[in-house]
């Protein structure tokens, strides 16, 4: 059959096509391969546009698999721009791969990146996305960056663009992902500064930095947060979720034996390790923090109440970082909030704890690989239980929270709830206070007959005897 000579229709003597294999024929005049399709009920000849047998097979498969029809339909559709894909992604609420709406800092990052992407990609067709176009965007972004080099910002913005394209495929706006190729990272790993470069070198330095924040009443809460992150290795967003009124296995709940604190991990790591071990330093921190909160903010449900709105809000996410930047000159070097995570890892490593266990303690799922790349290697003698064994509390110095010097004020004159006049102390023996001033008296009037104006009877606490830190309710307990 392979040597069969087939004459063209309408001819009787001159053979024009030779059978090669199923569906492929070769024209004897020029060696071009043809197929024998059936169009409108009649069989005819159609060129495969090649004289190479391998290419002829590929073209025949492409035609019979329907790829040609799909390409034809795709060419008839109007061009979809990148701006349309991004706006659809914004309209649907920035869903993730599991079609769940993003929240928190991830949502804020997607909002910010989408606004920047629209400035460049709004009118560009999706089919024009290429590696060369990405390089042009990188150059444009570096020219318009406000701070930094812009390399890390471009990588994060292209991640948002990839997320938008994936959602466009799910919405049937495009058929293929235009960023499916392996795109390069513009941020070089050698230029990245990790958090181990911005941590205190030892326990004494940690507590000295904490004292600077505890010395100011406005940053007392940040001082507690600073020490807590160093003692637990938690991220700022994880620490701020803790509540003193937490129910069992909610963020902030302390186990009945007092050896664990329940937390909620970020970055979808909730199932890795939802508990933090209460070691010696954290135990001392919890005791001191409980006493401080009972005196300062007993009505606040948060571990770290906001200084301005303690009953309704916790500290701002960026408040601790701003406080550390303000104290950078006094400290002598740059310290960051995330550097406390590296401090926790260093202390645990100094006791010979393997990286795989430390990774589990701080919520990593990489089995210790991230610790080696981000927090540096471990000295060999540390692995043999011959490390310095850093402590959580200073050996001879003062603990950081002992620097608090803003104790709650107490009224010097007690508040009365009856109509009897309040007796004031004699001006000759005690100095008059703002709650019980010494009015001018006549020369013929004796000191014993002097009294304060009567206090009106009311069911509410009289404002005259109420200070910012005086509470009549029972002090709150963590559990």
Protein backbone atom coordinates (compact mmCIF):
# COMPACT_ATOMS: atom_id res chain seq x y z
CA UNK A 1 0.00 0.00 0.00
CA UNK A 2 2.93 2.32 0.72
CA UNK A 3 4.03 2.07 -2.92
CA UNK A 4 0.59 2.63 -4.33
CA UNK A 5 0.37 5.38 -6.91
CA UNK A 6 -2.81 7.41 -6.85
CA UNK A 7 -3.93 9.48 -9.79
CA UNK A 8 -5.70 12.76 -9.29
CA UNK A 9 -9.39 12.86 -9.90
CA UNK A 10 -10.30 13.48 -13.53
CA UNK A 11 -7.05 11.99 -14.84
CA UNK A 12 -6.41 8.50 -16.18
CA UNK A 13 -2.75 8.28 -17.05
CA UNK A 14 -0.54 10.60 -14.91
CA UNK A 15 -0.25 9.58 -11.22
CA UNK A 16 0.24 12.67 -9.00
CA UNK A 17 0.12 11.46 -5.34
CA UNK A 18 1.87 8.61 -3.59
CA UNK A 19 0.51 7.15 -0.33
CA UNK A 20 3.00 7.51 2.57
CA UNK A 21 1.08 6.64 5.74
CA UNK A 22 -2.40 6.98 7.13
CA UNK A 23 -3.76 10.40 6.17
CA UNK A 24 -0.55 11.65 4.46
CA UNK A 25 0.24 11.63 0.73
CA UNK A 26 3.21 13.02 -1.16
CA UNK A 27 2.87 14.87 -4.45
CA UNK A 28 5.27 13.33 -6.92
CA UNK A 29 5.85 16.56 -8.81
CA UNK A 30 7.35 18.63 -5.96
CA UNK A 31 7.50 16.29 -2.94
CA UNK A 32 5.03 18.35 -0.82
CA UNK A 33 2.86 16.35 1.56
CA UNK A 34 -0.92 16.49 1.36
CA UNK A 35 -3.88 15.23 3.34
CA UNK A 36 -7.15 13.81 2.05
CA UNK A 37 -9.95 15.53 4.03
CA UNK A 38 -13.68 15.37 3.41
CA UNK A 39 -15.20 18.81 2.93
CA UNK A 40 -18.90 19.37 2.22
CA UNK A 41 -19.37 15.64 1.71
CA UNK A 42 -16.64 15.33 -0.94
CA UNK A 43 -13.07 14.14 -0.54
CA UNK A 44 -10.41 16.54 -1.75
CA UNK A 45 -6.69 17.29 -1.52
CA UNK A 46 -5.24 19.85 0.91
CA UNK A 47 -1.59 20.72 1.26
CA UNK A 48 0.23 20.33 4.60
CA UNK A 49 2.61 23.10 3.50
CA UNK A 50 5.81 21.14 4.05
CA UNK A 51 8.06 18.60 2.37
CA UNK A 52 9.36 17.31 5.73
CA UNK A 53 7.56 14.20 6.92
CA UNK A 54 7.97 15.05 10.63
CA UNK A 55 6.49 18.49 10.16
CA UNK A 56 3.72 17.03 8.03
CA UNK A 57 2.74 14.68 10.87
CA UNK A 58 2.68 17.56 13.38
CA UNK A 59 0.55 19.70 11.08
CA UNK A 60 -1.88 16.87 10.43
CA UNK A 61 -2.26 16.22 14.15
CA UNK A 62 -2.80 19.93 14.80
CA UNK A 63 -5.55 20.10 12.21
CA UNK A 64 -7.35 16.96 13.30
CA UNK A 65 -7.16 17.83 17.02
CA UNK A 66 -9.17 21.00 16.48
CA UNK A 67 -6.35 23.42 17.25
CA UNK A 68 -6.84 25.25 13.98
CA UNK A 69 -10.51 25.89 14.69
CA UNK A 70 -9.71 27.14 18.18
CA UNK A 71 -7.06 29.48 16.84
CA UNK A 72 -9.51 30.79 14.27
CA UNK A 73 -12.16 31.46 16.91
CA UNK A 74 -9.59 33.08 19.16
CA UNK A 75 -8.48 35.41 16.39
CA UNK A 76 -12.09 36.56 15.89
CA UNK A 77 -12.50 37.51 19.57
CA UNK A 78 -11.69 41.12 20.56
CA UNK A 79 -8.32 41.63 22.22
CA UNK A 80 -8.40 41.53 26.01
CA UNK A 81 -6.25 44.11 27.75
CA UNK A 82 -4.33 43.65 30.97
CA UNK A 83 -6.35 46.47 32.51
CA UNK A 84 -9.58 44.51 32.02
CA UNK A 85 -8.10 41.49 33.78
CA UNK A 86 -6.83 43.54 36.74
CA UNK A 87 -10.14 45.39 37.14
CA UNK A 88 -12.06 42.13 37.16
CA UNK A 89 -9.64 40.86 39.81
CA UNK A 90 -10.31 44.00 41.86
CA UNK A 91 -14.07 43.77 41.41
CA UNK A 92 -14.19 40.18 42.68
CA UNK A 93 -12.27 41.05 45.84
CA UNK A 94 -8.74 39.76 45.09
CA UNK A 95 -9.46 36.02 45.52
CA UNK A 96 -6.62 33.57 46.13
CA UNK A 97 -6.01 30.15 44.59
CA UNK A 98 -8.71 28.64 46.82
CA UNK A 99 -11.18 31.37 45.69
CA UNK A 100 -11.13 32.86 49.19
CA UNK A 101 -11.03 36.63 49.64
CA UNK A 102 -7.71 37.94 50.86
CA UNK A 103 -7.52 39.76 54.19
CA UNK A 104 -5.15 41.81 56.29
CA UNK A 105 -1.76 42.83 55.01
CA UNK A 106 -2.01 40.53 51.98
CA UNK A 107 -5.10 42.41 50.83
CA UNK A 108 -3.39 45.76 51.40
CA UNK A 109 -0.43 44.60 49.31
CA UNK A 110 -2.70 43.47 46.45
CA UNK A 111 -4.56 46.80 46.53
CA UNK A 112 -1.34 48.78 46.36
CA UNK A 113 0.25 46.64 43.64
CA UNK A 114 -2.87 46.66 41.44
CA UNK A 115 -2.97 50.46 41.45
CA UNK A 116 0.67 50.59 40.30
CA UNK A 117 0.20 47.93 37.63
CA UNK A 118 -2.70 49.78 36.01
CA UNK A 119 -0.50 52.81 35.37
CA UNK A 120 1.69 50.82 32.97
CA UNK A 121 -0.33 47.80 31.79
CA UNK A 122 -3.80 49.32 31.42
CA UNK A 123 -3.96 49.46 27.61
CA UNK A 124 -1.53 46.61 26.83
CA UNK A 125 -3.08 43.50 25.25
CA UNK A 126 -2.61 40.28 27.19
CA UNK A 127 -0.99 38.58 24.22
CA UNK A 128 1.81 41.19 24.21
CA UNK A 129 3.13 40.10 27.62
CA UNK A 130 6.63 38.77 27.14
CA UNK A 131 9.92 38.64 28.96
CA UNK A 132 11.10 41.70 27.08
CA UNK A 133 7.96 43.59 28.13
CA UNK A 134 8.59 42.63 31.76
CA UNK A 135 12.10 44.04 31.52
CA UNK A 136 10.69 47.29 30.17
CA UNK A 137 8.26 47.46 33.10
CA UNK A 138 11.16 46.90 35.48
CA UNK A 139 13.08 49.81 33.97
CA UNK A 140 10.00 52.05 34.08
CA UNK A 141 9.35 51.13 37.71
CA UNK A 142 12.92 51.90 38.79
CA UNK A 143 12.67 55.35 37.24
CA UNK A 144 9.50 56.10 39.22
CA UNK A 145 10.34 54.46 42.55
CA UNK A 146 10.29 56.74 45.59
CA UNK A 147 12.57 54.81 47.92
CA UNK A 148 14.82 51.80 47.53
CA UNK A 149 16.02 50.23 44.32
CA UNK A 150 12.61 48.98 43.17
CA UNK A 151 13.74 45.41 42.47
CA UNK A 152 11.79 43.83 45.32
CA UNK A 153 8.76 46.00 44.55
CA UNK A 154 8.71 44.78 40.92
CA UNK A 155 8.84 41.14 42.02
CA UNK A 156 5.87 41.62 44.35
CA UNK A 157 3.88 43.54 41.71
CA UNK A 158 4.47 40.82 39.12
CA UNK A 159 3.18 38.29 41.65
CA UNK A 160 -0.02 40.32 41.83
CA UNK A 161 -0.15 40.42 38.02
CA UNK A 162 0.20 36.63 37.92
CA UNK A 163 -2.63 36.26 40.46
CA UNK A 164 -4.85 38.50 38.33
CA UNK A 165 -4.12 36.46 35.17
CA UNK A 166 -4.96 33.24 36.96
CA UNK A 167 -8.29 34.70 38.01
CA UNK A 168 -8.86 35.89 34.42
CA UNK A 169 -8.52 32.28 33.24
CA UNK A 170 -11.10 31.19 35.80
CA UNK A 171 -13.46 33.90 34.56
CA UNK A 172 -12.93 32.71 30.94
CA UNK A 173 -11.47 36.05 29.89
CA UNK A 174 -8.31 34.37 28.60
CA UNK A 175 -7.47 30.79 27.71
CA UNK A 176 -3.79 30.61 28.64
CA UNK A 177 -1.71 32.13 31.41
CA UNK A 178 0.65 34.67 29.78
CA UNK A 179 3.15 34.39 32.66
CA UNK A 180 3.41 30.61 32.63
CA UNK A 181 7.07 30.83 31.60
CA UNK A 182 9.79 30.93 34.24
CA UNK A 183 10.33 34.63 34.75
CA UNK A 184 13.48 35.88 36.51
CA UNK A 185 13.61 37.53 39.91
CA UNK A 186 14.85 41.09 39.79
CA UNK A 187 15.76 41.22 43.48
CA UNK A 188 19.18 39.64 44.01
CA UNK A 189 19.53 37.43 47.07
CA UNK A 190 22.95 38.93 47.84
CA UNK A 191 21.47 42.40 48.35
CA UNK A 192 18.76 41.26 50.77
CA UNK A 193 19.32 42.14 54.43
CA UNK A 194 17.77 39.58 56.73
CA UNK A 195 16.34 40.15 60.17
CA UNK A 196 19.38 38.64 61.91
CA UNK A 197 21.23 41.86 61.01
CA UNK A 198 18.79 43.95 63.08
CA UNK A 199 18.49 42.03 66.36
CA UNK A 200 20.06 42.72 69.79
CA UNK A 201 23.34 40.88 70.25
CA UNK A 202 22.62 39.61 73.77
CA UNK A 203 20.07 39.61 76.58
CA UNK A 204 21.47 42.70 78.29
CA UNK A 205 21.17 44.71 75.07
CA UNK A 206 17.59 43.48 74.64
CA UNK A 207 16.55 44.73 78.08
CA UNK A 208 18.40 48.02 77.70
CA UNK A 209 16.43 48.74 74.53
CA UNK A 210 13.22 47.76 76.31
CA UNK A 211 13.98 50.22 79.13
CA UNK A 212 14.03 53.09 76.64
CA UNK A 213 10.43 52.33 75.68
CA UNK A 214 9.21 51.58 79.22
CA UNK A 215 10.56 54.94 80.40
CA UNK A 216 7.84 56.78 78.42
CA UNK A 217 4.19 56.18 79.31
CA UNK A 218 3.21 56.57 75.65
CA UNK A 219 5.42 53.65 74.58
CA UNK A 220 4.88 51.31 77.53
CA UNK A 221 2.63 49.06 75.46
CA UNK A 222 5.25 48.94 72.71
CA UNK A 223 7.84 47.94 75.29
CA UNK A 224 5.73 44.96 76.34
CA UNK A 225 5.21 44.04 72.69
CA UNK A 226 8.94 44.35 71.99
CA UNK A 227 9.85 41.95 74.81
CA UNK A 228 7.04 39.53 73.97
CA UNK A 229 8.13 39.15 70.35
CA UNK A 230 11.68 38.45 71.51
CA UNK A 231 10.47 35.82 73.99
CA UNK A 232 8.11 34.03 71.57
CA UNK A 233 9.44 34.65 68.05
CA UNK A 234 5.99 35.79 66.91
CA UNK A 235 5.46 38.23 64.09
CA UNK A 236 3.88 41.60 64.91
CA UNK A 237 0.56 40.73 63.26
CA UNK A 238 0.43 37.50 65.28
CA UNK A 239 1.20 39.18 68.61
CA UNK A 240 -1.40 41.92 68.19
CA UNK A 241 -4.22 39.36 67.91
CA UNK A 242 -3.80 38.17 71.50
CA UNK A 243 -6.64 38.93 73.89
CA UNK A 244 -6.80 38.59 77.66
CA UNK A 245 -10.46 37.46 77.49
CA UNK A 246 -9.73 34.67 75.01
CA UNK A 247 -11.69 31.44 75.28
CA UNK A 248 -9.94 28.05 75.19
CA UNK A 249 -7.75 27.65 72.10
CA UNK A 250 -8.27 31.21 70.97
CA UNK A 251 -5.41 33.66 70.49
CA UNK A 252 -4.17 34.72 73.92
CA UNK A 253 -5.57 31.81 75.93
CA UNK A 254 -3.19 30.37 78.52
CA UNK A 255 -3.39 26.63 79.20
CA UNK A 256 -4.58 25.56 82.69
CA UNK A 257 -1.08 24.37 83.62
CA UNK A 258 0.36 27.75 82.59
CA UNK A 259 2.92 26.23 80.23
CA UNK A 260 1.50 27.29 76.86
CA UNK A 261 -0.06 30.36 75.21
CA UNK A 262 -2.38 29.87 72.24
CA UNK A 263 -1.56 31.94 69.14
CA UNK A 264 -2.78 32.26 65.55
CA UNK A 265 -0.05 32.01 62.93
CA UNK A 266 0.09 34.17 59.82
CA UNK A 267 0.79 33.08 56.22
CA UNK A 268 -1.58 30.06 56.40
CA UNK A 269 0.53 28.41 59.11
CA UNK A 270 -2.26 27.98 61.66
CA UNK A 271 -1.99 24.21 61.70
CA UNK A 272 1.79 24.07 62.19
CA UNK A 273 2.04 24.97 65.87
CA UNK A 274 -0.80 26.92 67.52
CA UNK A 275 0.94 27.13 70.93
CA UNK A 276 3.93 28.96 72.38
CA UNK A 277 5.91 27.44 75.24
CA UNK A 278 6.07 29.48 78.45
CA UNK A 279 9.74 29.40 79.43
CA UNK A 280 11.39 31.21 82.33
CA UNK A 281 11.57 34.59 80.65
CA UNK A 282 8.04 34.47 79.23
CA UNK A 283 6.69 33.39 82.63
CA UNK A 284 8.24 36.44 84.29
CA UNK A 285 6.92 38.60 81.46
CA UNK A 286 3.35 37.29 81.89
CA UNK A 287 3.39 37.94 85.63
CA UNK A 288 4.70 41.49 85.29
CA UNK A 289 2.43 42.22 82.33
CA UNK A 290 -0.64 41.05 84.28
CA UNK A 291 0.11 43.42 87.14
CA UNK A 292 0.79 46.31 84.79
CA UNK A 293 -2.42 45.77 82.84
CA UNK A 294 -4.55 45.54 85.98
CA UNK A 295 -3.31 48.96 87.02
CA UNK A 296 -3.17 50.64 83.63
CA UNK A 297 -5.81 49.20 81.28
CA UNK A 298 -8.10 46.78 83.17
CA UNK A 299 -11.01 47.34 80.76
CA UNK A 300 -9.05 46.56 77.58
CA UNK A 301 -9.34 43.02 76.17
CA UNK A 302 -6.03 43.24 74.29
CA UNK A 303 -2.59 42.17 75.41
CA UNK A 304 -1.21 45.36 73.85
CA UNK A 305 -3.84 48.12 74.12
CA UNK A 306 -3.63 51.26 72.08
CA UNK A 307 -2.44 54.25 74.08
CA UNK A 308 -5.16 56.48 72.64
CA UNK A 309 -8.06 53.98 72.43
CA UNK A 310 -7.20 51.17 74.85
CA UNK A 311 -10.72 49.77 75.21
CA UNK A 312 -11.49 49.45 71.50
CA UNK A 313 -8.21 48.90 69.66
CA UNK A 314 -4.78 47.37 69.98
CA UNK A 315 -1.50 48.97 68.97
CA UNK A 316 -0.98 49.80 65.33
CA UNK A 317 0.91 47.30 63.19
CA UNK A 318 3.69 49.77 62.41
CA UNK A 319 3.86 51.48 65.82
CA UNK A 320 6.71 49.34 67.19
CA UNK A 321 8.81 49.80 64.06
CA UNK A 322 8.36 53.57 64.21
CA UNK A 323 9.33 53.63 67.89
CA UNK A 324 12.51 51.69 67.17
CA UNK A 325 13.39 54.09 64.36
CA UNK A 326 12.99 57.05 66.72
CA UNK A 327 15.33 55.40 69.21
CA UNK A 328 17.94 54.42 66.62
CA UNK A 329 20.35 57.20 67.61
CA UNK A 330 20.14 56.29 71.29
CA UNK A 331 20.57 52.58 70.55
CA UNK A 332 23.46 53.18 68.18
CA UNK A 333 22.29 50.81 65.45
CA UNK A 334 19.18 49.81 63.57
CA UNK A 335 16.82 47.40 65.37
CA UNK A 336 13.60 46.11 63.80
CA UNK A 337 10.52 44.39 65.11
CA UNK A 338 11.18 41.32 62.98
CA UNK A 339 14.69 41.20 64.41
CA UNK A 340 13.13 39.90 67.64
CA UNK A 341 12.20 36.75 65.73
CA UNK A 342 15.88 36.25 64.91
CA UNK A 343 16.77 36.86 68.57
CA UNK A 344 14.44 34.05 69.62
CA UNK A 345 16.05 31.70 67.08
CA UNK A 346 19.53 32.64 68.31
CA UNK A 347 18.71 31.98 71.95
CA UNK A 348 17.20 28.60 71.14
CA UNK A 349 20.18 27.67 68.97
CA UNK A 350 22.60 28.59 71.75
CA UNK A 351 21.04 25.82 73.85
CA UNK A 352 21.73 23.20 71.17
CA UNK A 353 18.12 22.97 69.91
CA UNK A 354 18.08 21.66 66.29
CA UNK A 355 16.76 23.88 63.53
CA UNK A 356 13.93 21.52 62.67
CA UNK A 357 12.43 21.97 66.15
CA UNK A 358 12.97 25.73 66.17
CA UNK A 359 11.26 25.97 62.77
CA UNK A 360 8.27 24.14 64.21
CA UNK A 361 8.21 26.45 67.24
CA UNK A 362 8.01 29.63 65.13
CA UNK A 363 5.55 28.16 62.61
CA UNK A 364 7.77 27.35 59.62
CA UNK A 365 6.84 24.49 57.31
CA UNK A 366 10.24 24.18 55.64
CA UNK A 367 11.73 21.79 58.21
CA UNK A 368 14.57 24.18 59.02
CA UNK A 369 15.61 25.17 55.48
CA UNK A 370 14.38 28.75 55.90
CA UNK A 371 16.32 29.12 59.15
CA UNK A 372 19.59 28.27 57.43
CA UNK A 373 19.02 30.75 54.58
CA UNK A 374 17.45 33.63 56.53
CA UNK A 375 18.90 33.35 60.05
CA UNK A 376 22.34 32.09 59.04
CA UNK A 377 24.24 28.95 59.86
CA UNK A 378 24.95 27.49 63.28
CA UNK A 379 28.47 27.30 64.76
CA UNK A 380 29.52 23.64 64.91
CA UNK A 381 30.12 23.62 68.67
CA UNK A 382 26.58 24.89 69.26
CA UNK A 383 25.25 21.67 67.74
CA UNK A 384 27.30 19.69 70.29
CA UNK A 385 25.58 21.42 73.23
CA UNK A 386 28.62 23.63 73.79
CA UNK A 387 26.98 26.97 72.96
CA UNK A 388 26.86 30.10 75.13
CA UNK A 389 23.36 29.21 76.41
CA UNK A 390 21.93 32.70 76.27
CA UNK A 391 19.37 33.49 78.98
CA UNK A 392 16.04 35.27 78.67
CA UNK A 393 16.56 37.44 81.76
CA UNK A 394 19.63 39.57 82.51
CA UNK A 395 22.03 37.98 84.96
CA UNK A 396 22.90 41.06 87.03
CA UNK A 397 21.08 43.98 85.43
CA UNK A 398 17.57 45.31 85.84
CA UNK A 399 14.71 43.81 83.88
CA UNK A 400 13.30 46.06 81.21
CA UNK A 401 9.79 46.43 82.66
CA UNK A 402 11.19 47.55 86.02
CA UNK A 403 11.98 50.87 84.34
CA UNK A 404 8.29 51.85 84.36
CA UNK A 405 8.08 55.06 86.40
CA UNK A 406 4.53 56.19 85.63
CA UNK A 407 2.52 54.52 88.39
CA UNK A 408 -1.24 55.23 88.46
CA UNK A 409 -2.09 58.33 90.43
CA UNK A 410 -4.48 58.09 93.41
CA UNK A 411 -6.68 60.96 94.54
CA UNK A 412 -5.42 62.51 97.76
CA UNK A 413 -8.98 63.34 98.85
CA UNK A 414 -11.40 60.36 98.84
CA UNK A 415 -14.52 60.56 96.69
CA UNK A 416 -17.77 60.76 98.67
CA UNK A 417 -21.17 59.46 97.65
CA UNK A 418 -23.26 61.26 100.28
CA UNK A 419 -24.44 64.78 100.90
CA UNK A 420 -22.19 65.37 103.91
CA UNK A 421 -19.53 68.01 103.30
CA UNK A 422 -16.03 66.69 102.91
CA UNK A 423 -13.63 67.81 105.60
CA UNK A 424 -10.41 69.26 104.29
CA UNK A 425 -7.13 69.00 106.06
CA UNK A 426 -5.74 72.04 107.68
CA UNK A 427 -3.60 74.10 105.31
CA UNK A 428 -0.99 74.40 108.01
CA UNK A 429 -0.45 70.63 108.16
CA UNK A 430 -0.94 69.50 104.54
CA UNK A 431 -0.78 71.16 101.16
CA UNK A 432 -4.15 71.59 99.43
CA UNK A 433 -4.71 69.41 96.39
CA UNK A 434 -6.61 69.82 93.14
CA UNK A 435 -9.37 67.59 94.52
CA UNK A 436 -9.78 69.57 97.74
CA UNK A 437 -8.60 73.17 97.30
CA UNK A 438 -8.16 75.48 100.24
CA UNK A 439 -10.62 78.39 99.87
CA UNK A 440 -9.87 81.77 101.30
CA UNK A 441 -11.39 82.19 104.77
CA UNK A 442 -12.09 85.17 106.93
CA UNK A 443 -9.74 86.10 109.73
CA UNK A 444 -12.47 85.48 112.33
CA UNK A 445 -13.19 82.00 110.98
CA UNK A 446 -11.57 79.03 112.66
CA UNK A 447 -9.76 76.37 110.58
CA UNK A 448 -12.00 73.58 111.94
CA UNK A 449 -15.12 75.18 110.53
CA UNK A 450 -13.75 75.11 107.03
CA UNK A 451 -15.23 72.51 104.64
CA UNK A 452 -15.35 71.71 100.94
CA UNK A 453 -18.50 72.40 98.91
CA UNK A 454 -21.06 69.57 99.17
CA UNK A 455 -20.88 66.94 96.46
CA UNK A 456 -24.19 66.35 94.64
CA UNK A 457 -25.55 62.86 95.14
CA UNK A 458 -25.49 60.82 91.96
CA UNK A 459 -25.42 57.18 90.90
CA UNK A 460 -22.48 57.85 88.60
CA UNK A 461 -18.90 58.31 89.69
CA UNK A 462 -18.30 62.02 90.45
CA UNK A 463 -15.89 63.47 87.92
CA UNK A 464 -14.13 65.52 90.54
CA UNK A 465 -12.41 62.50 92.07
CA UNK A 466 -11.77 60.45 88.95
CA UNK A 467 -8.32 60.27 87.43
CA UNK A 468 -7.15 58.67 84.23
CA UNK A 469 -5.94 55.57 86.01
CA UNK A 470 -8.48 55.11 88.84
CA UNK A 471 -10.93 52.21 88.45
CA UNK A 472 -13.46 50.77 90.85
CA UNK A 473 -13.94 47.46 89.02
CA UNK A 474 -12.20 44.26 90.00
CA UNK A 475 -8.77 43.92 88.30
CA UNK A 476 -8.87 41.75 85.20
CA UNK A 477 -7.15 38.37 85.06
CA UNK A 478 -5.63 36.90 81.93
CA UNK A 479 -7.73 33.76 82.20
